[in-house]
């Protein structure tokens, strides 16, 4: 008998997270669709379940310690373990309020609270459950703007984006954090990687004013690939749909 695979995706009621939930459910996984607002999560889960997958809504606000611990306790009671964790929840902050020279520090802190500290909180709460998996995988959904190489390459379009003190630094920090978790968890057999879905037309990116033609489903492909790595897969890397992304 093949044991079911349990996957948790944070911030999954829309965008890349929702698309990843659908793709993983299509692969036969039981997907826990994490959302700050349970009602929105339930709507998304119901729609995805109608397509034939096993998708269940779970309230989890990555900035709320009590909510994170409650989610971990529920997963433990219901399933006893977790096989895949996708840290997808993220916010960008208001671009106009995060220009480096005039940045609103409270807003910068808010962005880091979700994009960095929230990842630590959720990952650490889920580690006891992940340790019970035979093949645990952690995927941190980052961004190309977290690549210092891209942001400083004059031939790359990202180097011409306006400066921001919140979102790009938070994703660079997430990339660094990914490397540290990979080192820490290597002996446990947990593979930890970061990925960039690329410039997809979602609520997070529409304000950039870029001609975005890729969909959330396009962006979810690399998330799914890293969530389903074999035992010989990489750990501590940064990837997009084409392969390795430079730090």
C-alpha atoms as a PDB file:
ATOM      1  CA  UNK A   1       0.000   0.000   0.000  1.00  0.00           C
ATOM      2  CA  UNK A   2       1.403   3.413  -1.008  1.00  0.00           C
ATOM      3  CA  UNK A   3       1.194   6.010   1.741  1.00  0.00           C
ATOM      4  CA  UNK A   4      -0.367   9.333   0.824  1.00  0.00           C
ATOM      5  CA  UNK A   5       1.908  12.340   0.479  1.00  0.00           C
ATOM      6  CA  UNK A   6       0.937  15.343   2.605  1.00  0.00           C
ATOM      7  CA  UNK A   7       1.847  18.807   1.344  1.00  0.00           C
ATOM      8  CA  UNK A   8       1.308  22.208   2.964  1.00  0.00           C
ATOM      9  CA  UNK A   9       1.416  25.376   0.887  1.00  0.00           C
ATOM     10  CA  UNK A  10       1.173  28.740   2.644  1.00  0.00           C
ATOM     11  CA  UNK A  11      -0.538  31.676   0.958  1.00  0.00           C
ATOM     12  CA  UNK A  12      -2.222  29.293  -1.459  1.00  0.00           C
ATOM     13  CA  UNK A  13      -5.718  30.682  -1.949  1.00  0.00           C
ATOM     14  CA  UNK A  14      -4.595  32.486  -5.121  1.00  0.00           C
ATOM     15  CA  UNK A  15      -1.737  33.000  -7.544  1.00  0.00           C
ATOM     16  CA  UNK A  16       1.261  30.689  -7.773  1.00  0.00           C
ATOM     17  CA  UNK A  17       0.371  28.998  -4.482  1.00  0.00           C
ATOM     18  CA  UNK A  18      -3.047  28.001  -5.726  1.00  0.00           C
ATOM     19  CA  UNK A  19      -1.635  26.784  -9.034  1.00  0.00           C
ATOM     20  CA  UNK A  20       0.959  24.708  -7.176  1.00  0.00           C
ATOM     21  CA  UNK A  21      -1.805  23.247  -4.983  1.00  0.00           C
ATOM     22  CA  UNK A  22      -3.704  22.151  -8.066  1.00  0.00           C
ATOM     23  CA  UNK A  23      -0.630  20.620  -9.687  1.00  0.00           C
ATOM     24  CA  UNK A  24       0.394  18.699  -6.556  1.00  0.00           C
ATOM     25  CA  UNK A  25      -3.175  17.462  -6.029  1.00  0.00           C
ATOM     26  CA  UNK A  26      -3.182  16.222  -9.622  1.00  0.00           C
ATOM     27  CA  UNK A  27      -0.143  14.142  -8.703  1.00  0.00           C
ATOM     28  CA  UNK A  28      -2.187  12.440  -5.999  1.00  0.00           C
ATOM     29  CA  UNK A  29      -0.982  14.405  -2.991  1.00  0.00           C
ATOM     30  CA  UNK A  30      -3.213  15.497  -0.161  1.00  0.00           C
ATOM     31  CA  UNK A  31      -2.728  19.265  -0.271  1.00  0.00           C
ATOM     32  CA  UNK A  32      -3.293  21.513   2.711  1.00  0.00           C
ATOM     33  CA  UNK A  33      -4.115  24.889   1.215  1.00  0.00           C
ATOM     34  CA  UNK A  34      -2.882  27.457   3.728  1.00  0.00           C
ATOM     35  CA  UNK A  35      -4.560  30.842   3.861  1.00  0.00           C
ATOM     36  CA  UNK A  36      -4.737  33.708   6.343  1.00  0.00           C
ATOM     37  CA  UNK A  37      -8.489  33.900   5.809  1.00  0.00           C
ATOM     38  CA  UNK A  38     -10.177  30.535   6.195  1.00  0.00           C
ATOM     39  CA  UNK A  39     -13.160  31.506   4.056  1.00  0.00           C
ATOM     40  CA  UNK A  40     -10.990  32.356   1.067  1.00  0.00           C
ATOM     41  CA  UNK A  41      -9.034  29.180   1.581  1.00  0.00           C
ATOM     42  CA  UNK A  42     -12.192  27.108   1.693  1.00  0.00           C
ATOM     43  CA  UNK A  43     -13.446  28.674  -1.552  1.00  0.00           C
ATOM     44  CA  UNK A  44     -10.165  27.877  -3.294  1.00  0.00           C
ATOM     45  CA  UNK A  45      -9.996  24.347  -1.870  1.00  0.00           C
ATOM     46  CA  UNK A  46     -13.579  23.625  -2.913  1.00  0.00           C
ATOM     47  CA  UNK A  47     -12.881  24.781  -6.464  1.00  0.00           C
ATOM     48  CA  UNK A  48      -9.723  22.670  -6.702  1.00  0.00           C
ATOM     49  CA  UNK A  49     -11.373  19.630  -5.151  1.00  0.00           C
ATOM     50  CA  UNK A  50     -14.112  19.880  -7.782  1.00  0.00           C
ATOM     51  CA  UNK A  51     -11.386  19.091 -10.286  1.00  0.00           C
ATOM     52  CA  UNK A  52     -10.770  15.762  -8.600  1.00  0.00           C
ATOM     53  CA  UNK A  53      -7.927  16.538  -6.200  1.00  0.00           C
ATOM     54  CA  UNK A  54      -7.730  16.180  -2.431  1.00  0.00           C
ATOM     55  CA  UNK A  55      -7.307  19.786  -1.312  1.00  0.00           C
ATOM     56  CA  UNK A  56      -8.189  20.936   2.191  1.00  0.00           C
ATOM     57  CA  UNK A  57      -8.243  24.475   3.535  1.00  0.00           C
ATOM     58  CA  UNK A  58      -6.130  25.293   6.574  1.00  0.00           C
ATOM     59  CA  UNK A  59      -5.990  28.660   8.290  1.00  0.00           C
ATOM     60  CA  UNK A  60      -2.403  29.758   8.806  1.00  0.00           C
ATOM     61  CA  UNK A  61      -1.138  33.302   9.191  1.00  0.00           C
ATOM     62  CA  UNK A  62       2.640  33.041   9.027  1.00  0.00           C
ATOM     63  CA  UNK A  63       3.026  36.169  11.177  1.00  0.00           C
ATOM     64  CA  UNK A  64       0.816  34.797  13.968  1.00  0.00           C
ATOM     65  CA  UNK A  65       2.732  32.391  16.227  1.00  0.00           C
ATOM     66  CA  UNK A  66      -0.430  30.948  17.740  1.00  0.00           C
ATOM     67  CA  UNK A  67      -1.956  30.300  14.299  1.00  0.00           C
ATOM     68  CA  UNK A  68       1.233  28.611  13.100  1.00  0.00           C
ATOM     69  CA  UNK A  69       1.416  26.362  16.155  1.00  0.00           C
ATOM     70  CA  UNK A  70      -2.282  25.522  15.856  1.00  0.00           C
ATOM     71  CA  UNK A  71      -1.822  24.553  12.210  1.00  0.00           C
ATOM     72  CA  UNK A  72       1.125  22.313  13.069  1.00  0.00           C
ATOM     73  CA  UNK A  73      -0.856  20.674  15.884  1.00  0.00           C
ATOM     74  CA  UNK A  74      -3.797  20.015  13.557  1.00  0.00           C
ATOM     75  CA  UNK A  75      -1.594  18.466  10.894  1.00  0.00           C
ATOM     76  CA  UNK A  76       0.072  16.298  13.522  1.00  0.00           C
ATOM     77  CA  UNK A  77      -3.234  15.088  14.916  1.00  0.00           C
ATOM     78  CA  UNK A  78      -4.807  14.468  11.527  1.00  0.00           C
ATOM     79  CA  UNK A  79      -1.895  13.062   9.508  1.00  0.00           C
ATOM     80  CA  UNK A  80       0.966  12.449  11.913  1.00  0.00           C
ATOM     81  CA  UNK A  81       3.584  13.885   9.566  1.00  0.00           C
ATOM     82  CA  UNK A  82       4.257  16.318   6.716  1.00  0.00           C
ATOM     83  CA  UNK A  83       6.102  15.430   3.519  1.00  0.00           C
ATOM     84  CA  UNK A  84       6.228  18.705   1.600  1.00  0.00           C
ATOM     85  CA  UNK A  85       6.311  22.295   2.871  1.00  0.00           C
ATOM     86  CA  UNK A  86       6.030  25.112   0.352  1.00  0.00           C
ATOM     87  CA  UNK A  87       6.707  28.487   1.960  1.00  0.00           C
ATOM     88  CA  UNK A  88       4.809  30.543  -0.588  1.00  0.00           C
ATOM     89  CA  UNK A  89       3.157  33.286   1.478  1.00  0.00           C
ATOM     90  CA  UNK A  90       4.691  36.646   0.648  1.00  0.00           C
ATOM     91  CA  UNK A  91       3.937  40.339   0.367  1.00  0.00           C
ATOM     92  CA  UNK A  92       5.617  43.077  -1.640  1.00  0.00           C
ATOM     93  CA  UNK A  93       4.802  46.226   0.289  1.00  0.00           C
ATOM     94  CA  UNK A  94       3.914  49.473  -1.400  1.00  0.00           C
ATOM     95  CA  UNK A  95       6.618  50.305  -3.982  1.00  0.00           C
ATOM     96  CA  UNK A  96       6.291  54.046  -3.420  1.00  0.00           C
ATOM     97  CA  UNK A  97       6.822  53.677   0.311  1.00  0.00           C
ATOM     98  CA  UNK A  98       9.913  51.457   0.102  1.00  0.00           C
ATOM     99  CA  UNK A  99      12.279  53.530  -2.042  1.00  0.00           C
ATOM    100  CA  UNK A 100      15.540  53.128  -0.094  1.00  0.00           C
ATOM    101  CA  UNK A 101      16.192  56.820   0.588  1.00  0.00           C
ATOM    102  CA  UNK A 102      12.681  57.437   1.926  1.00  0.00           C
ATOM    103  CA  UNK A 103      11.645  53.977   3.086  1.00  0.00           C
ATOM    104  CA  UNK A 104       8.890  53.554   5.638  1.00  0.00           C
ATOM    105  CA  UNK A 105      10.684  51.348   8.161  1.00  0.00           C
ATOM    106  CA  UNK A 106       7.463  49.984   9.587  1.00  0.00           C
ATOM    107  CA  UNK A 107       6.480  48.777   6.127  1.00  0.00           C
ATOM    108  CA  UNK A 108       9.927  47.259   5.563  1.00  0.00           C
ATOM    109  CA  UNK A 109       9.591  45.397   8.854  1.00  0.00           C
ATOM    110  CA  UNK A 110       6.137  44.189   7.834  1.00  0.00           C
ATOM    111  CA  UNK A 111       7.482  42.754   4.582  1.00  0.00           C
ATOM    112  CA  UNK A 112      10.336  40.991   6.369  1.00  0.00           C
ATOM    113  CA  UNK A 113       7.899  39.685   8.993  1.00  0.00           C
ATOM    114  CA  UNK A 114       6.055  37.715   6.303  1.00  0.00           C
ATOM    115  CA  UNK A 115       8.771  36.962   3.771  1.00  0.00           C
ATOM    116  CA  UNK A 116      11.589  36.004   6.155  1.00  0.00           C
ATOM    117  CA  UNK A 117      10.532  35.624   9.776  1.00  0.00           C
ATOM    118  CA  UNK A 118       7.288  33.936   8.746  1.00  0.00           C
ATOM    119  CA  UNK A 119       9.265  31.330   6.833  1.00  0.00           C
ATOM    120  CA  UNK A 120      11.387  30.615   9.893  1.00  0.00           C
ATOM    121  CA  UNK A 121       8.312  30.360  12.120  1.00  0.00           C
ATOM    122  CA  UNK A 122       6.450  27.982   9.820  1.00  0.00           C
ATOM    123  CA  UNK A 123       9.466  25.849   8.947  1.00  0.00           C
ATOM    124  CA  UNK A 124      10.483  25.385  12.567  1.00  0.00           C
ATOM    125  CA  UNK A 125       6.927  24.564  13.631  1.00  0.00           C
ATOM    126  CA  UNK A 126       6.651  21.942  10.875  1.00  0.00           C
ATOM    127  CA  UNK A 127      10.097  20.366  11.301  1.00  0.00           C
ATOM    128  CA  UNK A 128       8.969  17.749  13.839  1.00  0.00           C
ATOM    129  CA  UNK A 129       6.329  16.649  11.313  1.00  0.00           C
ATOM    130  CA  UNK A 130       8.746  16.774   8.384  1.00  0.00           C
ATOM    131  CA  UNK A 131      11.211  14.648  10.362  1.00  0.00           C
ATOM    132  CA  UNK A 132       8.653  11.820  10.280  1.00  0.00           C
ATOM    133  CA  UNK A 133       8.616  11.807   6.479  1.00  0.00           C
ATOM    134  CA  UNK A 134      10.717   9.390   4.479  1.00  0.00           C
ATOM    135  CA  UNK A 135      11.442  12.081   1.878  1.00  0.00           C
ATOM    136  CA  UNK A 136      10.766  15.570   3.225  1.00  0.00           C
ATOM    137  CA  UNK A 137      11.023  18.513   0.862  1.00  0.00           C
ATOM    138  CA  UNK A 138      10.962  22.247   1.645  1.00  0.00           C
ATOM    139  CA  UNK A 139      10.479  24.784  -1.149  1.00  0.00           C
ATOM    140  CA  UNK A 140      10.898  28.490  -0.432  1.00  0.00           C
ATOM    141  CA  UNK A 141       9.213  30.616  -3.077  1.00  0.00           C
ATOM    142  CA  UNK A 142      11.588  33.478  -3.696  1.00  0.00           C
ATOM    143  CA  UNK A 143      11.947  35.869  -6.635  1.00  0.00           C
ATOM    144  CA  UNK A 144      14.448  36.819  -9.284  1.00  0.00           C
ATOM    145  CA  UNK A 145      14.801  40.205  -7.581  1.00  0.00           C
ATOM    146  CA  UNK A 146      16.430  38.305  -4.727  1.00  0.00           C
ATOM    147  CA  UNK A 147      19.347  37.501  -7.054  1.00  0.00           C
ATOM    148  CA  UNK A 148      22.151  40.019  -6.543  1.00  0.00           C
ATOM    149  CA  UNK A 149      23.598  38.843  -9.848  1.00  0.00           C
ATOM    150  CA  UNK A 150      20.429  39.741 -11.752  1.00  0.00           C
ATOM    151  CA  UNK A 151      19.990  43.047  -9.954  1.00  0.00           C
ATOM    152  CA  UNK A 152      23.535  44.169 -10.762  1.00  0.00           C
ATOM    153  CA  UNK A 153      23.809  42.826 -14.319  1.00  0.00           C
ATOM    154  CA  UNK A 154      23.363  45.777 -16.711  1.00  0.00           C
ATOM    155  CA  UNK A 155      22.132  43.393 -19.381  1.00  0.00           C
ATOM    156  CA  UNK A 156      19.354  41.993 -17.195  1.00  0.00           C
ATOM    157  CA  UNK A 157      16.043  43.855 -17.070  1.00  0.00           C
ATOM    158  CA  UNK A 158      15.877  43.537 -13.291  1.00  0.00           C
ATOM    159  CA  UNK A 159      18.883  45.835 -12.920  1.00  0.00           C
ATOM    160  CA  UNK A 160      16.731  48.611 -14.369  1.00  0.00           C
ATOM    161  CA  UNK A 161      13.874  48.259 -11.888  1.00  0.00           C
ATOM    162  CA  UNK A 162      13.478  51.048  -9.318  1.00  0.00           C
ATOM    163  CA  UNK A 163      15.236  50.499  -6.005  1.00  0.00           C
ATOM    164  CA  UNK A 164      13.191  49.045  -3.145  1.00  0.00           C
ATOM    165  CA  UNK A 165      14.263  48.552   0.460  1.00  0.00           C
ATOM    166  CA  UNK A 166      11.742  45.833   1.305  1.00  0.00           C
ATOM    167  CA  UNK A 167      10.784  43.152  -1.204  1.00  0.00           C
ATOM    168  CA  UNK A 168      14.104  42.478  -3.025  1.00  0.00           C
ATOM    169  CA  UNK A 169      16.170  42.486   0.204  1.00  0.00           C
ATOM    170  CA  UNK A 170      13.617  40.190   1.852  1.00  0.00           C
ATOM    171  CA  UNK A 171      13.937  37.696  -0.979  1.00  0.00           C
ATOM    172  CA  UNK A 172      17.745  37.907  -0.917  1.00  0.00           C
ATOM    173  CA  UNK A 173      17.513  37.140   2.807  1.00  0.00           C
ATOM    174  CA  UNK A 174      15.187  34.225   2.060  1.00  0.00           C
ATOM    175  CA  UNK A 175      17.722  32.833  -0.396  1.00  0.00           C
ATOM    176  CA  UNK A 176      20.462  33.036   2.229  1.00  0.00           C
ATOM    177  CA  UNK A 177      18.146  31.419   4.764  1.00  0.00           C
ATOM    178  CA  UNK A 178      17.474  28.572   2.339  1.00  0.00           C
ATOM    179  CA  UNK A 179      21.185  27.780   2.198  1.00  0.00           C
ATOM    180  CA  UNK A 180      21.425  27.718   5.981  1.00  0.00           C
ATOM    181  CA  UNK A 181      18.426  25.408   6.398  1.00  0.00           C
ATOM    182  CA  UNK A 182      19.825  23.105   3.722  1.00  0.00           C
ATOM    183  CA  UNK A 183      23.097  22.852   5.632  1.00  0.00           C
ATOM    184  CA  UNK A 184      21.330  22.294   8.942  1.00  0.00           C
ATOM    185  CA  UNK A 185      18.961  19.621   7.634  1.00  0.00           C
ATOM    186  CA  UNK A 186      21.263  17.791   5.243  1.00  0.00           C
ATOM    187  CA  UNK A 187      21.961  14.942   7.658  1.00  0.00           C
ATOM    188  CA  UNK A 188      18.225  14.414   8.147  1.00  0.00           C
ATOM    189  CA  UNK A 189      17.674  13.880   4.424  1.00  0.00           C
ATOM    190  CA  UNK A 190      15.494  16.989   4.075  1.00  0.00           C
ATOM    191  CA  UNK A 191      16.028  18.757   0.751  1.00  0.00           C
ATOM    192  CA  UNK A 192      15.605  22.537   0.977  1.00  0.00           C
ATOM    193  CA  UNK A 193      15.603  24.779  -2.090  1.00  0.00           C
ATOM    194  CA  UNK A 194      14.473  28.218  -3.210  1.00  0.00           C
ATOM    195  CA  UNK A 195      12.841  29.005  -6.511  1.00  0.00           C
ATOM    196  CA  UNK A 196      11.655  31.922  -8.560  1.00  0.00           C
ATOM    197  CA  UNK A 197       8.387  31.400 -10.446  1.00  0.00           C
ATOM    198  CA  UNK A 198       9.447  34.140 -12.841  1.00  0.00           C
ATOM    199  CA  UNK A 199       7.441  37.189 -13.918  1.00  0.00           C
ATOM    200  CA  UNK A 200       3.866  35.864 -13.806  1.00  0.00           C
ATOM    201  CA  UNK A 201       0.675  37.906 -14.047  1.00  0.00           C
ATOM    202  CA  UNK A 202      -0.516  37.729 -10.430  1.00  0.00           C
ATOM    203  CA  UNK A 203      -1.729  40.223  -7.840  1.00  0.00           C
ATOM    204  CA  UNK A 204       1.836  40.450  -6.522  1.00  0.00           C
ATOM    205  CA  UNK A 205       3.396  41.578  -9.814  1.00  0.00           C
ATOM    206  CA  UNK A 206       0.788  43.568 -11.719  1.00  0.00           C
ATOM    207  CA  UNK A 207       1.927  46.858 -10.156  1.00  0.00           C
ATOM    208  CA  UNK A 208       5.365  46.493 -11.791  1.00  0.00           C
ATOM    209  CA  UNK A 209       4.060  47.682 -15.149  1.00  0.00           C
ATOM    210  CA  UNK A 210       5.843  44.897 -17.028  1.00  0.00           C
ATOM    211  CA  UNK A 211       4.383  43.102 -20.062  1.00  0.00           C
ATOM    212  CA  UNK A 212       3.650  39.879 -18.192  1.00  0.00           C
ATOM    213  CA  UNK A 213       2.517  37.025 -20.407  1.00  0.00           C
ATOM    214  CA  UNK A 214       3.255  34.050 -18.147  1.00  0.00           C
ATOM    215  CA  UNK A 215       0.550  32.690 -15.872  1.00  0.00           C
ATOM    216  CA  UNK A 216       0.566  31.551 -12.255  1.00  0.00           C
ATOM    217  CA  UNK A 217       0.389  28.000 -13.561  1.00  0.00           C
ATOM    218  CA  UNK A 218       3.579  28.586 -15.542  1.00  0.00           C
ATOM    219  CA  UNK A 219       5.275  29.815 -12.389  1.00  0.00           C
ATOM    220  CA  UNK A 220       4.089  26.867 -10.332  1.00  0.00           C
ATOM    221  CA  UNK A 221       5.974  24.349 -12.479  1.00  0.00           C
ATOM    222  CA  UNK A 222       9.325  24.921 -10.758  1.00  0.00           C
ATOM    223  CA  UNK A 223       7.666  24.767  -7.329  1.00  0.00           C
ATOM    224  CA  UNK A 224       6.254  21.340  -8.146  1.00  0.00           C
ATOM    225  CA  UNK A 225       9.556  20.105  -9.558  1.00  0.00           C
ATOM    226  CA  UNK A 226      11.409  20.982  -6.352  1.00  0.00           C
ATOM    227  CA  UNK A 227       8.597  19.613  -4.177  1.00  0.00           C
ATOM    228  CA  UNK A 228       8.900  16.223  -5.876  1.00  0.00           C
ATOM    229  CA  UNK A 229      12.679  15.824  -6.067  1.00  0.00           C
ATOM    230  CA  UNK A 230      14.129  12.363  -5.770  1.00  0.00           C
ATOM    231  CA  UNK A 231      16.601  11.399  -3.066  1.00  0.00           C
ATOM    232  CA  UNK A 232      19.510  12.399  -5.317  1.00  0.00           C
ATOM    233  CA  UNK A 233      18.073  15.884  -5.885  1.00  0.00           C
ATOM    234  CA  UNK A 234      19.866  19.130  -5.031  1.00  0.00           C
ATOM    235  CA  UNK A 235      19.591  20.997  -1.754  1.00  0.00           C
ATOM    236  CA  UNK A 236      20.538  24.562  -0.930  1.00  0.00           C
ATOM    237  CA  UNK A 237      20.018  25.834  -4.469  1.00  0.00           C
ATOM    238  CA  UNK A 238      18.081  28.584  -6.233  1.00  0.00           C
ATOM    239  CA  UNK A 239      16.197  27.565  -9.366  1.00  0.00           C
ATOM    240  CA  UNK A 240      13.807  28.736 -12.051  1.00  0.00           C
ATOM    241  CA  UNK A 241      12.107  26.775 -14.817  1.00  0.00           C
ATOM    242  CA  UNK A 242      15.350  26.694 -16.820  1.00  0.00           C
ATOM    243  CA  UNK A 243      17.684  25.570 -14.059  1.00  0.00           C
ATOM    244  CA  UNK A 244      20.043  27.223 -11.591  1.00  0.00           C
ATOM    245  CA  UNK A 245      19.627  30.934 -10.862  1.00  0.00           C
ATOM    246  CA  UNK A 246      22.787  32.853  -9.856  1.00  0.00           C
ATOM    247  CA  UNK A 247      22.810  34.217  -6.340  1.00  0.00           C
END
